[in-house]
Amino acid sequence: MKLELKHVSGYCQFGLKGKFFSRVDIVTEIDYQYNLISSLNYGSYHISDFKPILKSLSYLTKEELKSQGFWHHIDYLTNEKQNPLEAPFNMVQYLLSKHYDIYGLIEKGLAIDKDTIKLKK
């Protein structure tokens, strides 16, 4: 499996951080040729040169979901009974906004676990 635009496009509206080669940057949009556009004006990069920085779903708790008003379908995510993409749309949007890895990219080596990388501020 390889990283595809469908795996990162949902995160872009929420300021997706990732590594382009050795540089950490934020993706703000995708251009007409399906390249990722850098927020720091470094130009555009092909998806094959990018690794998103995401949070593992293992850090997601029932308490976090309940605090956001999600009282139903919590077991989709916190007990790994179902695919996160089967959860209600507003819950998936919340997970994207918090940069949770809903596609399992970290396990596949296609993304970097946010809790294992040190970022310069």
PDB file of N, CA and C in Angstrom:
ATOM      1  N   MET A   1       0.843  -1.191   0.000  1.00  0.00           N
ATOM      2  CA  MET A   1       0.000   0.000   0.000  1.00  0.00           C
ATOM      3  C   MET A   1       0.883   1.247   0.000  1.00  0.00           C
ATOM      4  N   LYS A   2       0.410   2.278  -0.683  1.00  0.00           N
ATOM      5  CA  LYS A   2       1.135   3.545  -0.681  1.00  0.00           C
ATOM      6  C   LYS A   2       0.182   4.663  -0.287  1.00  0.00           C
ATOM      7  N   LEU A   3       0.763   5.752   0.188  1.00  0.00           N
ATOM      8  CA  LEU A   3      -0.015   6.908   0.595  1.00  0.00           C
ATOM      9  C   LEU A   3      -0.674   7.530  -0.631  1.00  0.00           C
ATOM     10  N   GLU A   4      -1.971   7.814  -0.504  1.00  0.00           N
ATOM     11  CA  GLU A   4      -2.719   8.424  -1.591  1.00  0.00           C
ATOM     12  C   GLU A   4      -3.355   9.720  -1.097  1.00  0.00           C
ATOM     13  N   LEU A   5      -3.747  10.554  -2.044  1.00  0.00           N
ATOM     14  CA  LEU A   5      -4.357  11.838  -1.685  1.00  0.00           C
ATOM     15  C   LEU A   5      -5.627  11.666  -0.873  1.00  0.00           C
ATOM     16  N   LYS A   6      -6.368  10.585  -1.109  1.00  0.00           N
ATOM     17  CA  LYS A   6      -7.594  10.366  -0.331  1.00  0.00           C
ATOM     18  C   LYS A   6      -7.278  10.191   1.156  1.00  0.00           C
ATOM     19  N   HIS A   7      -6.049   9.778   1.484  1.00  0.00           N
ATOM     20  CA  HIS A   7      -5.649   9.601   2.875  1.00  0.00           C
ATOM     21  C   HIS A   7      -5.322  10.925   3.568  1.00  0.00           C
ATOM     22  N   VAL A   8      -4.985  11.959   2.834  1.00  0.00           N
ATOM     23  CA  VAL A   8      -4.575  13.229   3.454  1.00  0.00           C
ATOM     24  C   VAL A   8      -5.511  14.394   3.169  1.00  0.00           C
ATOM     25  N   SER A   9      -6.334  14.289   2.154  1.00  0.00           N
ATOM     26  CA  SER A   9      -7.144  15.442   1.748  1.00  0.00           C
ATOM     27  C   SER A   9      -8.101  15.914   2.838  1.00  0.00           C
ATOM     28  N   GLY A  10      -8.675  15.014   3.614  1.00  0.00           N
ATOM     29  CA  GLY A  10      -9.593  15.403   4.675  1.00  0.00           C
ATOM     30  C   GLY A  10      -8.933  16.179   5.802  1.00  0.00           C
ATOM     31  N   TYR A  11      -7.644  15.961   5.979  1.00  0.00           N
ATOM     32  CA  TYR A  11      -6.905  16.635   7.051  1.00  0.00           C
ATOM     33  C   TYR A  11      -6.453  18.049   6.660  1.00  0.00           C
ATOM     34  N   CYS A  12      -6.341  18.342   5.372  1.00  0.00           N
ATOM     35  CA  CYS A  12      -5.741  19.598   4.912  1.00  0.00           C
ATOM     36  C   CYS A  12      -6.450  20.830   5.457  1.00  0.00           C
ATOM     37  N   GLN A  13      -7.762  20.783   5.551  1.00  0.00           N
ATOM     38  CA  GLN A  13      -8.500  21.950   6.061  1.00  0.00           C
ATOM     39  C   GLN A  13      -8.206  22.227   7.527  1.00  0.00           C
ATOM     40  N   PHE A  14      -7.555  21.279   8.205  1.00  0.00           N
ATOM     41  CA  PHE A  14      -7.239  21.426   9.621  1.00  0.00           C
ATOM     42  C   PHE A  14      -5.744  21.599   9.866  1.00  0.00           C
ATOM     43  N   GLY A  15      -5.004  22.001   8.838  1.00  0.00           N
ATOM     44  CA  GLY A  15      -3.576  22.273   8.997  1.00  0.00           C
ATOM     45  C   GLY A  15      -2.747  21.030   9.243  1.00  0.00           C
ATOM     46  N   LEU A  16      -2.770  20.106   8.334  1.00  0.00           N
ATOM     47  CA  LEU A  16      -2.036  18.847   8.472  1.00  0.00           C
ATOM     48  C   LEU A  16      -0.536  19.078   8.440  1.00  0.00           C
ATOM     49  N   LYS A  17       0.157  18.666   9.506  1.00  0.00           N
ATOM     50  CA  LYS A  17       1.614  18.711   9.511  1.00  0.00           C
ATOM     51  C   LYS A  17       2.148  17.425   8.933  1.00  0.00           C
ATOM     52  N   GLY A  18       3.289  17.560   8.294  1.00  0.00           N
ATOM     53  CA  GLY A  18       3.931  16.375   7.741  1.00  0.00           C
ATOM     54  C   GLY A  18       5.363  16.669   7.385  1.00  0.00           C
ATOM     55  N   LYS A  19       6.068  15.627   7.008  1.00  0.00           N
ATOM     56  CA  LYS A  19       7.464  15.781   6.601  1.00  0.00           C
ATOM     57  C   LYS A  19       7.550  15.684   5.088  1.00  0.00           C
ATOM     58  N   PHE A  20       8.131  16.702   4.494  1.00  0.00           N
ATOM     59  CA  PHE A  20       8.505  16.712   3.083  1.00  0.00           C
ATOM     60  C   PHE A  20      10.011  16.530   3.081  1.00  0.00           C
ATOM     61  N   PHE A  21      10.472  15.408   2.645  1.00  0.00           N
ATOM     62  CA  PHE A  21      11.898  15.081   2.727  1.00  0.00           C
ATOM     63  C   PHE A  21      12.312  15.208   4.188  1.00  0.00           C
ATOM     64  N   SER A  22      13.169  16.130   4.554  1.00  0.00           N
ATOM     65  CA  SER A  22      13.586  16.262   5.954  1.00  0.00           C
ATOM     66  C   SER A  22      12.964  17.484   6.625  1.00  0.00           C
ATOM     67  N   ARG A  23      12.079  18.167   5.943  1.00  0.00           N
ATOM     68  CA  ARG A  23      11.493  19.426   6.439  1.00  0.00           C
ATOM     69  C   ARG A  23      10.060  19.188   6.925  1.00  0.00           C
ATOM     70  N   VAL A  24       9.732  19.679   8.120  1.00  0.00           N
ATOM     71  CA  VAL A  24       8.364  19.614   8.626  1.00  0.00           C
ATOM     72  C   VAL A  24       7.631  20.855   8.149  1.00  0.00           C
ATOM     73  N   ASP A  25       6.435  20.664   7.632  1.00  0.00           N
ATOM     74  CA  ASP A  25       5.651  21.766   7.100  1.00  0.00           C
ATOM     75  C   ASP A  25       4.179  21.455   7.286  1.00  0.00           C
ATOM     76  N   ILE A  26       3.336  22.407   6.941  1.00  0.00           N
ATOM     77  CA  ILE A  26       1.888  22.246   7.027  1.00  0.00           C
ATOM     78  C   ILE A  26       1.321  22.278   5.616  1.00  0.00           C
ATOM     79  N   VAL A  27       0.456  21.330   5.325  1.00  0.00           N
ATOM     80  CA  VAL A  27      -0.211  21.278   4.024  1.00  0.00           C
ATOM     81  C   VAL A  27      -1.472  22.120   4.108  1.00  0.00           C
ATOM     82  N   THR A  28      -1.631  23.030   3.174  1.00  0.00           N
ATOM     83  CA  THR A  28      -2.815  23.888   3.192  1.00  0.00           C
ATOM     84  C   THR A  28      -3.800  23.568   2.081  1.00  0.00           C
ATOM     85  N   GLU A  29      -3.328  22.994   1.003  1.00  0.00           N
ATOM     86  CA  GLU A  29      -4.232  22.680  -0.099  1.00  0.00           C
ATOM     87  C   GLU A  29      -3.584  21.681  -1.048  1.00  0.00           C
ATOM     88  N   ILE A  30      -4.378  21.248  -2.004  1.00  0.00           N
ATOM     89  CA  ILE A  30      -3.900  20.337  -3.037  1.00  0.00           C
ATOM     90  C   ILE A  30      -4.118  21.037  -4.365  1.00  0.00           C
ATOM     91  N   ASP A  31      -3.089  21.066  -5.218  1.00  0.00           N
ATOM     92  CA  ASP A  31      -3.221  21.805  -6.477  1.00  0.00           C
ATOM     93  C   ASP A  31      -3.894  20.967  -7.562  1.00  0.00           C
ATOM     94  N   TYR A  32      -4.063  21.551  -8.731  1.00  0.00           N
ATOM     95  CA  TYR A  32      -4.778  20.900  -9.821  1.00  0.00           C
ATOM     96  C   TYR A  32      -4.072  19.646 -10.346  1.00  0.00           C
ATOM     97  N   GLN A  33      -2.791  19.503 -10.050  1.00  0.00           N
ATOM     98  CA  GLN A  33      -2.066  18.296 -10.453  1.00  0.00           C
ATOM     99  C   GLN A  33      -1.934  17.314  -9.291  1.00  0.00           C
ATOM    100  N   TYR A  34      -2.718  17.540  -8.264  1.00  0.00           N
ATOM    101  CA  TYR A  34      -2.744  16.675  -7.086  1.00  0.00           C
ATOM    102  C   TYR A  34      -1.429  16.659  -6.325  1.00  0.00           C
ATOM    103  N   ASN A  35      -0.758  17.791  -6.300  1.00  0.00           N
ATOM    104  CA  ASN A  35       0.412  17.963  -5.462  1.00  0.00           C
ATOM    105  C   ASN A  35      -0.019  18.637  -4.166  1.00  0.00           C
ATOM    106  N   LEU A  36       0.714  18.389  -3.105  1.00  0.00           N
ATOM    107  CA  LEU A  36       0.431  19.015  -1.820  1.00  0.00           C
ATOM    108  C   LEU A  36       1.119  20.366  -1.773  1.00  0.00           C
ATOM    109  N   ILE A  37       0.409  21.395  -1.336  1.00  0.00           N
ATOM    110  CA  ILE A  37       0.944  22.746  -1.297  1.00  0.00           C
ATOM    111  C   ILE A  37       1.398  23.061   0.127  1.00  0.00           C
ATOM    112  N   SER A  38       2.604  23.569   0.236  1.00  0.00           N
ATOM    113  CA  SER A  38       3.212  23.919   1.518  1.00  0.00           C
ATOM    114  C   SER A  38       2.691  25.259   2.011  1.00  0.00           C
ATOM    115  N   SER A  39       2.468  25.362   3.313  1.00  0.00           N
ATOM    116  CA  SER A  39       2.013  26.625   3.884  1.00  0.00           C
ATOM    117  C   SER A  39       3.141  27.632   4.018  1.00  0.00           C
ATOM    118  N   LEU A  40       4.366  27.169   4.015  1.00  0.00           N
ATOM    119  CA  LEU A  40       5.503  28.065   4.191  1.00  0.00           C
ATOM    120  C   LEU A  40       6.121  28.481   2.862  1.00  0.00           C
ATOM    121  N   ASN A  41       5.346  28.296   1.800  1.00  0.00           N
ATOM    122  CA  ASN A  41       5.755  28.704   0.453  1.00  0.00           C
ATOM    123  C   ASN A  41       7.033  28.022  -0.027  1.00  0.00           C
ATOM    124  N   TYR A  42       7.247  26.809   0.422  1.00  0.00           N
ATOM    125  CA  TYR A  42       8.365  26.037  -0.111  1.00  0.00           C
ATOM    126  C   TYR A  42       8.010  25.436  -1.461  1.00  0.00           C
ATOM    127  N   GLY A  43       6.788  25.625  -1.884  1.00  0.00           N
ATOM    128  CA  GLY A  43       6.353  25.083  -3.163  1.00  0.00           C
ATOM    129  C   GLY A  43       5.395  23.931  -2.963  1.00  0.00           C
ATOM    130  N   SER A  44       5.282  23.127  -3.983  1.00  0.00           N
ATOM    131  CA  SER A  44       4.413  21.971  -3.888  1.00  0.00           C
ATOM    132  C   SER A  44       5.260  20.703  -3.931  1.00  0.00           C
ATOM    133  N   TYR A  45       4.710  19.658  -3.368  1.00  0.00           N
ATOM    134  CA  TYR A  45       5.410  18.388  -3.281  1.00  0.00           C
ATOM    135  C   TYR A  45       4.497  17.277  -3.741  1.00  0.00           C
ATOM    136  N   HIS A  46       5.064  16.287  -4.336  1.00  0.00           N
ATOM    137  CA  HIS A  46       4.284  15.124  -4.724  1.00  0.00           C
ATOM    138  C   HIS A  46       3.992  14.301  -3.473  1.00  0.00           C
ATOM    139  N   ILE A  47       2.884  13.635  -3.466  1.00  0.00           N
ATOM    140  CA  ILE A  47       2.465  12.838  -2.320  1.00  0.00           C
ATOM    141  C   ILE A  47       3.517  11.793  -1.930  1.00  0.00           C
ATOM    142  N   SER A  48       4.288  11.317  -2.886  1.00  0.00           N
ATOM    143  CA  SER A  48       5.297  10.289  -2.587  1.00  0.00           C
ATOM    144  C   SER A  48       6.463  10.840  -1.759  1.00  0.00           C
ATOM    145  N   ASP A  49       6.575  12.176  -1.675  1.00  0.00           N
ATOM    146  CA  ASP A  49       7.642  12.813  -0.897  1.00  0.00           C
ATOM    147  C   ASP A  49       7.153  13.278   0.468  1.00  0.00           C
ATOM    148  N   PHE A  50       6.002  12.807   0.906  1.00  0.00           N
ATOM    149  CA  PHE A  50       5.343  13.329   2.098  1.00  0.00           C
ATOM    150  C   PHE A  50       4.968  12.208   3.057  1.00  0.00           C
ATOM    151  N   LYS A  51       5.135  12.486   4.364  1.00  0.00           N
ATOM    152  CA  LYS A  51       4.640  11.600   5.422  1.00  0.00           C
ATOM    153  C   LYS A  51       3.858  12.452   6.411  1.00  0.00           C
ATOM    154  N   PRO A  52       2.540  12.218   6.538  1.00  0.00           N
ATOM    155  CA  PRO A  52       1.758  13.000   7.498  1.00  0.00           C
ATOM    156  C   PRO A  52       2.138  12.655   8.933  1.00  0.00           C
ATOM    157  N   ILE A  53       1.955  13.621   9.821  1.00  0.00           N
ATOM    158  CA  ILE A  53       2.192  13.427  11.249  1.00  0.00           C
ATOM    159  C   ILE A  53       0.814  13.361  11.906  1.00  0.00           C
ATOM    160  N   LEU A  54       0.474  12.185  12.427  1.00  0.00           N
ATOM    161  CA  LEU A  54      -0.861  11.928  12.954  1.00  0.00           C
ATOM    162  C   LEU A  54      -0.805  11.342  14.356  1.00  0.00           C
ATOM    163  N   LYS A  55      -1.962  11.335  15.019  1.00  0.00           N
ATOM    164  CA  LYS A  55      -2.082  10.709  16.340  1.00  0.00           C
ATOM    165  C   LYS A  55      -2.714   9.335  16.178  1.00  0.00           C
ATOM    166  N   SER A  56      -2.176   8.372  16.876  1.00  0.00           N
ATOM    167  CA  SER A  56      -2.727   7.020  16.849  1.00  0.00           C
ATOM    168  C   SER A  56      -4.107   7.006  17.500  1.00  0.00           C
ATOM    169  N   LEU A  57      -5.015   6.200  16.942  1.00  0.00           N
ATOM    170  CA  LEU A  57      -6.336   6.048  17.549  1.00  0.00           C
ATOM    171  C   LEU A  57      -6.257   5.414  18.932  1.00  0.00           C
ATOM    172  N   SER A  58      -5.136   4.796  19.255  1.00  0.00           N
ATOM    173  CA  SER A  58      -4.998   4.172  20.575  1.00  0.00           C
ATOM    174  C   SER A  58      -5.030   5.220  21.692  1.00  0.00           C
ATOM    175  N   TYR A  59      -4.804   6.491  21.355  1.00  0.00           N
ATOM    176  CA  TYR A  59      -4.851   7.565  22.348  1.00  0.00           C
ATOM    177  C   TYR A  59      -6.249   8.138  22.534  1.00  0.00           C
ATOM    178  N   LEU A  60      -7.180   7.735  21.691  1.00  0.00           N
ATOM    179  CA  LEU A  60      -8.549   8.235  21.769  1.00  0.00           C
ATOM    180  C   LEU A  60      -9.285   7.540  22.910  1.00  0.00           C
ATOM    181  N   THR A  61      -9.963   8.319  23.736  1.00  0.00           N
ATOM    182  CA  THR A  61     -10.693   7.755  24.874  1.00  0.00           C
ATOM    183  C   THR A  61     -12.186   8.037  24.758  1.00  0.00           C
ATOM    184  N   LYS A  62     -12.960   7.221  25.466  1.00  0.00           N
ATOM    185  CA  LYS A  62     -14.402   7.455  25.527  1.00  0.00           C
ATOM    186  C   LYS A  62     -14.688   8.820  26.139  1.00  0.00           C
ATOM    187  N   GLU A  63     -13.892   9.194  27.135  1.00  0.00           N
ATOM    188  CA  GLU A  63     -14.104  10.478  27.803  1.00  0.00           C
ATOM    189  C   GLU A  63     -13.928  11.646  26.832  1.00  0.00           C
ATOM    190  N   GLU A  64     -12.919  11.554  25.954  1.00  0.00           N
ATOM    191  CA  GLU A  64     -12.711  12.622  24.970  1.00  0.00           C
ATOM    192  C   GLU A  64     -13.914  12.737  24.046  1.00  0.00           C
ATOM    193  N   LEU A  65     -14.400  11.601  23.561  1.00  0.00           N
ATOM    194  CA  LEU A  65     -15.551  11.627  22.661  1.00  0.00           C
ATOM    195  C   LEU A  65     -16.805  12.153  23.370  1.00  0.00           C
ATOM    196  N   LYS A  66     -17.020  11.712  24.588  1.00  0.00           N
ATOM    197  CA  LYS A  66     -18.194  12.188  25.340  1.00  0.00           C
ATOM    198  C   LYS A  66     -18.100  13.689  25.608  1.00  0.00           C
ATOM    199  N   SER A  67     -16.900  14.188  25.880  1.00  0.00           N
ATOM    200  CA  SER A  67     -16.739  15.624  26.138  1.00  0.00           C
ATOM    201  C   SER A  67     -17.046  16.462  24.900  1.00  0.00           C
ATOM    202  N   GLN A  68     -16.982  15.835  23.733  1.00  0.00           N
ATOM    203  CA  GLN A  68     -17.299  16.530  22.485  1.00  0.00           C
ATOM    204  C   GLN A  68     -18.752  16.324  22.057  1.00  0.00           C
ATOM    205  N   GLY A  69     -19.518  15.638  22.912  1.00  0.00           N
ATOM    206  CA  GLY A  69     -20.939  15.437  22.626  1.00  0.00           C
ATOM    207  C   GLY A  69     -21.252  14.166  21.858  1.00  0.00           C
ATOM    208  N   PHE A  70     -20.295  13.293  21.694  1.00  0.00           N
ATOM    209  CA  PHE A  70     -20.537  12.028  20.999  1.00  0.00           C
ATOM    210  C   PHE A  70     -20.880  10.961  22.029  1.00  0.00           C
ATOM    211  N   TRP A  71     -22.144  10.595  22.090  1.00  0.00           N
ATOM    212  CA  TRP A  71     -22.595   9.599  23.061  1.00  0.00           C
ATOM    213  C   TRP A  71     -22.929   8.279  22.392  1.00  0.00           C
ATOM    214  N   HIS A  72     -23.072   8.289  21.106  1.00  0.00           N
ATOM    215  CA  HIS A  72     -23.417   7.063  20.378  1.00  0.00           C
ATOM    216  C   HIS A  72     -22.248   6.660  19.495  1.00  0.00           C
ATOM    217  N   HIS A  73     -22.142   5.402  19.205  1.00  0.00           N
ATOM    218  CA  HIS A  73     -21.129   4.858  18.290  1.00  0.00           C
ATOM    219  C   HIS A  73     -19.701   4.982  18.830  1.00  0.00           C
ATOM    220  N   ILE A  74     -19.546   5.201  20.107  1.00  0.00           N
ATOM    221  CA  ILE A  74     -18.204   5.367  20.667  1.00  0.00           C
ATOM    222  C   ILE A  74     -17.389   4.092  20.529  1.00  0.00           C
ATOM    223  N   ASP A  75     -18.048   2.939  20.647  1.00  0.00           N
ATOM    224  CA  ASP A  75     -17.314   1.677  20.558  1.00  0.00           C
ATOM    225  C   ASP A  75     -16.727   1.431  19.174  1.00  0.00           C
ATOM    226  N   TYR A  76     -17.180   2.167  18.165  1.00  0.00           N
ATOM    227  CA  TYR A  76     -16.554   2.051  16.837  1.00  0.00           C
ATOM    228  C   TYR A  76     -15.055   2.299  16.943  1.00  0.00           C
ATOM    229  N   LEU A  77     -14.694   3.207  17.797  1.00  0.00           N
ATOM    230  CA  LEU A  77     -13.310   3.654  17.845  1.00  0.00           C
ATOM    231  C   LEU A  77     -12.563   3.176  19.070  1.00  0.00           C
ATOM    232  N   THR A  78     -13.159   3.302  20.229  1.00  0.00           N
ATOM    233  CA  THR A  78     -12.410   3.040  21.451  1.00  0.00           C
ATOM    234  C   THR A  78     -12.220   1.558  21.736  1.00  0.00           C
ATOM    235  N   ASN A  79     -13.045   0.711  21.179  1.00  0.00           N
ATOM    236  CA  ASN A  79     -12.875  -0.731  21.363  1.00  0.00           C
ATOM    237  C   ASN A  79     -12.456  -1.430  20.079  1.00  0.00           C
ATOM    238  N   GLU A  80     -12.207  -0.648  19.044  1.00  0.00           N
ATOM    239  CA  GLU A  80     -11.760  -1.167  17.748  1.00  0.00           C
ATOM    240  C   GLU A  80     -12.675  -2.271  17.217  1.00  0.00           C
ATOM    241  N   LYS A  81     -13.987  -2.077  17.407  1.00  0.00           N
ATOM    242  CA  LYS A  81     -14.942  -3.063  16.902  1.00  0.00           C
ATOM    243  C   LYS A  81     -15.249  -2.863  15.424  1.00  0.00           C
ATOM    244  N   GLN A  82     -15.128  -1.632  14.961  1.00  0.00           N
ATOM    245  CA  GLN A  82     -15.496  -1.302  13.592  1.00  0.00           C
ATOM    246  C   GLN A  82     -14.460  -0.364  12.985  1.00  0.00           C
ATOM    247  N   ASN A  83     -14.564  -0.173  11.708  1.00  0.00           N
ATOM    248  CA  ASN A  83     -13.737   0.786  10.989  1.00  0.00           C
ATOM    249  C   ASN A  83     -14.177   2.193  11.389  1.00  0.00           C
ATOM    250  N   PRO A  84     -13.235   3.091  11.745  1.00  0.00           N
ATOM    251  CA  PRO A  84     -13.618   4.455  12.123  1.00  0.00           C
ATOM    252  C   PRO A  84     -14.432   5.171  11.053  1.00  0.00           C
ATOM    253  N   LEU A  85     -14.260   4.802   9.813  1.00  0.00           N
ATOM    254  CA  LEU A  85     -14.989   5.475   8.743  1.00  0.00           C
ATOM    255  C   LEU A  85     -16.467   5.090   8.724  1.00  0.00           C
ATOM    256  N   GLU A  86     -16.853   4.097   9.524  1.00  0.00           N
ATOM    257  CA  GLU A  86     -18.270   3.742   9.651  1.00  0.00           C
ATOM    258  C   GLU A  86     -18.964   4.565  10.725  1.00  0.00           C
ATOM    259  N   ALA A  87     -18.221   5.370  11.447  1.00  0.00           N
ATOM    260  CA  ALA A  87     -18.787   6.238  12.478  1.00  0.00           C
ATOM    261  C   ALA A  87     -19.556   7.382  11.799  1.00  0.00           C
ATOM    262  N   PRO A  88     -20.421   8.068  12.550  1.00  0.00           N
ATOM    263  CA  PRO A  88     -21.158   9.205  11.981  1.00  0.00           C
ATOM    264  C   PRO A  88     -20.206  10.266  11.413  1.00  0.00           C
ATOM    265  N   PHE A  89     -20.677  10.970  10.391  1.00  0.00           N
ATOM    266  CA  PHE A  89     -19.851  11.945   9.684  1.00  0.00           C
ATOM    267  C   PHE A  89     -19.243  12.983  10.616  1.00  0.00           C
ATOM    268  N   ASN A  90     -20.036  13.522  11.547  1.00  0.00           N
ATOM    269  CA  ASN A  90     -19.502  14.574  12.426  1.00  0.00           C
ATOM    270  C   ASN A  90     -18.419  14.020  13.352  1.00  0.00           C
ATOM    271  N   MET A  91     -18.467  12.744  13.678  1.00  0.00           N
ATOM    272  CA  MET A  91     -17.414  12.143  14.492  1.00  0.00           C
ATOM    273  C   MET A  91     -16.140  11.984  13.659  1.00  0.00           C
ATOM    274  N   VAL A  92     -16.289  11.573  12.409  1.00  0.00           N
ATOM    275  CA  VAL A  92     -15.131  11.453  11.526  1.00  0.00           C
ATOM    276  C   VAL A  92     -14.494  12.825  11.324  1.00  0.00           C
ATOM    277  N   GLN A  93     -15.315  13.860  11.145  1.00  0.00           N
ATOM    278  CA  GLN A  93     -14.795  15.225  11.012  1.00  0.00           C
ATOM    279  C   GLN A  93     -14.007  15.638  12.255  1.00  0.00           C
ATOM    280  N   TYR A  94     -14.504  15.283  13.424  1.00  0.00           N
ATOM    281  CA  TYR A  94     -13.789  15.600  14.661  1.00  0.00           C
ATOM    282  C   TYR A  94     -12.427  14.901  14.676  1.00  0.00           C
ATOM    283  N   LEU A  95     -12.398  13.622  14.310  1.00  0.00           N
ATOM    284  CA  LEU A  95     -11.148  12.862  14.304  1.00  0.00           C
ATOM    285  C   LEU A  95     -10.149  13.457  13.309  1.00  0.00           C
ATOM    286  N   LEU A  96     -10.631  13.872  12.155  1.00  0.00           N
ATOM    287  CA  LEU A  96      -9.756  14.527  11.179  1.00  0.00           C
ATOM    288  C   LEU A  96      -9.215  15.841  11.740  1.00  0.00           C
ATOM    289  N   SER A  97     -10.069  16.613  12.399  1.00  0.00           N
ATOM    290  CA  SER A  97      -9.646  17.917  12.924  1.00  0.00           C
ATOM    291  C   SER A  97      -8.589  17.781  14.016  1.00  0.00           C
ATOM    292  N   LYS A  98      -8.598  16.663  14.717  1.00  0.00           N
ATOM    293  CA  LYS A  98      -7.615  16.410  15.774  1.00  0.00           C
ATOM    294  C   LYS A  98      -6.450  15.555  15.269  1.00  0.00           C
ATOM    295  N   HIS A  99      -6.445  15.295  13.981  1.00  0.00           N
ATOM    296  CA  HIS A  99      -5.371  14.564  13.299  1.00  0.00           C
ATOM    297  C   HIS A  99      -5.202  13.129  13.801  1.00  0.00           C
ATOM    298  N   TYR A 100      -6.317  12.477  14.113  1.00  0.00           N
ATOM    299  CA  TYR A 100      -6.256  11.054  14.447  1.00  0.00           C
ATOM    300  C   TYR A 100      -6.092  10.247  13.165  1.00  0.00           C
ATOM    301  N   ASP A 101      -5.337   9.201  13.238  1.00  0.00           N
ATOM    302  CA  ASP A 101      -5.020   8.343  12.094  1.00  0.00           C
ATOM    303  C   ASP A 101      -6.179   7.388  11.817  1.00  0.00           C
ATOM    304  N   ILE A 102      -7.176   7.834  11.070  1.00  0.00           N
ATOM    305  CA  ILE A 102      -8.363   7.016  10.823  1.00  0.00           C
ATOM    306  C   ILE A 102      -8.142   5.950   9.757  1.00  0.00           C
ATOM    307  N   TYR A 103      -7.056   6.040   9.015  1.00  0.00           N
ATOM    308  CA  TYR A 103      -6.780   5.066   7.959  1.00  0.00           C
ATOM    309  C   TYR A 103      -5.750   4.014   8.359  1.00  0.00           C
ATOM    310  N   GLY A 104      -5.221   4.080   9.563  1.00  0.00           N
ATOM    311  CA  GLY A 104      -4.210   3.116   9.991  1.00  0.00           C
ATOM    312  C   GLY A 104      -2.880   3.285   9.273  1.00  0.00           C
ATOM    313  N   LEU A 105      -2.540   4.518   8.932  1.00  0.00           N
ATOM    314  CA  LEU A 105      -1.321   4.794   8.169  1.00  0.00           C
ATOM    315  C   LEU A 105      -0.051   4.622   8.995  1.00  0.00           C
ATOM    316  N   ILE A 106      -0.132   4.880  10.289  1.00  0.00           N
ATOM    317  CA  ILE A 106       1.052   4.746  11.142  1.00  0.00           C
ATOM    318  C   ILE A 106       1.521   3.301  11.155  1.00  0.00           C
ATOM    319  N   GLU A 107       0.581   2.385  11.346  1.00  0.00           N
ATOM    320  CA  GLU A 107       0.915   0.953  11.375  1.00  0.00           C
ATOM    321  C   GLU A 107       1.536   0.483  10.068  1.00  0.00           C
ATOM    322  N   LYS A 108       1.137   1.105   8.975  1.00  0.00           N
ATOM    323  CA  LYS A 108       1.629   0.705   7.653  1.00  0.00           C
ATOM    324  C   LYS A 108       2.924   1.413   7.269  1.00  0.00           C
ATOM    325  N   GLY A 109       3.436   2.269   8.153  1.00  0.00           N
ATOM    326  CA  GLY A 109       4.671   2.990   7.871  1.00  0.00           C
ATOM    327  C   GLY A 109       4.502   4.151   6.918  1.00  0.00           C
ATOM    328  N   LEU A 110       3.260   4.588   6.696  1.00  0.00           N
ATOM    329  CA  LEU A 110       2.984   5.675   5.756  1.00  0.00           C
ATOM    330  C   LEU A 110       2.778   7.015   6.451  1.00  0.00           C
ATOM    331  N   ALA A 111       2.773   7.015   7.784  1.00  0.00           N
ATOM    332  CA  ALA A 111       2.624   8.239   8.566  1.00  0.00           C
ATOM    333  C   ALA A 111       3.514   8.136   9.797  1.00  0.00           C
ATOM    334  N   ILE A 112       3.738   9.282  10.408  1.00  0.00           N
ATOM    335  CA  ILE A 112       4.578   9.373  11.597  1.00  0.00           C
ATOM    336  C   ILE A 112       3.675   9.590  12.802  1.00  0.00           C
ATOM    337  N   ASP A 113       3.898   8.843  13.867  1.00  0.00           N
ATOM    338  CA  ASP A 113       3.130   8.993  15.094  1.00  0.00           C
ATOM    339  C   ASP A 113       3.547  10.296  15.769  1.00  0.00           C
ATOM    340  N   LYS A 114       2.578  11.183  15.975  1.00  0.00           N
ATOM    341  CA  LYS A 114       2.858  12.493  16.563  1.00  0.00           C
ATOM    342  C   LYS A 114       3.534  12.403  17.926  1.00  0.00           C
ATOM    343  N   ASP A 115       3.225  11.372  18.678  1.00  0.00           N
ATOM    344  CA  ASP A 115       3.784  11.236  20.018  1.00  0.00           C
ATOM    345  C   ASP A 115       5.203  10.680  20.040  1.00  0.00           C
ATOM    346  N   THR A 116       5.722  10.312  18.883  1.00  0.00           N
ATOM    347  CA  THR A 116       7.086   9.776  18.845  1.00  0.00           C
ATOM    348  C   THR A 116       8.057  10.709  18.130  1.00  0.00           C
ATOM    349  N   ILE A 117       7.571  11.850  17.680  1.00  0.00           N
ATOM    350  CA  ILE A 117       8.429  12.780  16.948  1.00  0.00           C
ATOM    351  C   ILE A 117       8.534  14.086  17.734  1.00  0.00           C
ATOM    352  N   LYS A 118       9.694  14.650  17.744  1.00  0.00           N
ATOM    353  CA  LYS A 118       9.909  15.950  18.394  1.00  0.00           C
ATOM    354  C   LYS A 118       9.924  17.015  17.290  1.00  0.00           C
ATOM    355  N   LEU A 119       9.002  17.962  17.397  1.00  0.00           N
ATOM    356  CA  LEU A 119       8.883  19.029  16.407  1.00  0.00           C
ATOM    357  C   LEU A 119       9.418  20.332  16.968  1.00  0.00           C
ATOM    358  N   LYS A 120      10.109  21.082  16.131  1.00  0.00           N
ATOM    359  CA  LYS A 120      10.542  22.426  16.518  1.00  0.00           C
ATOM    360  C   LYS A 120       9.337  23.346  16.443  1.00  0.00           C
ATOM    361  N   LYS A 121       9.254  24.255  17.398  1.00  0.00           N
ATOM    362  CA  LYS A 121       8.114  25.194  17.391  1.00  0.00           C
ATOM    363  C   LYS A 121       8.494  26.475  16.720  1.00  0.00           C
TER     364      LYS A 121
END
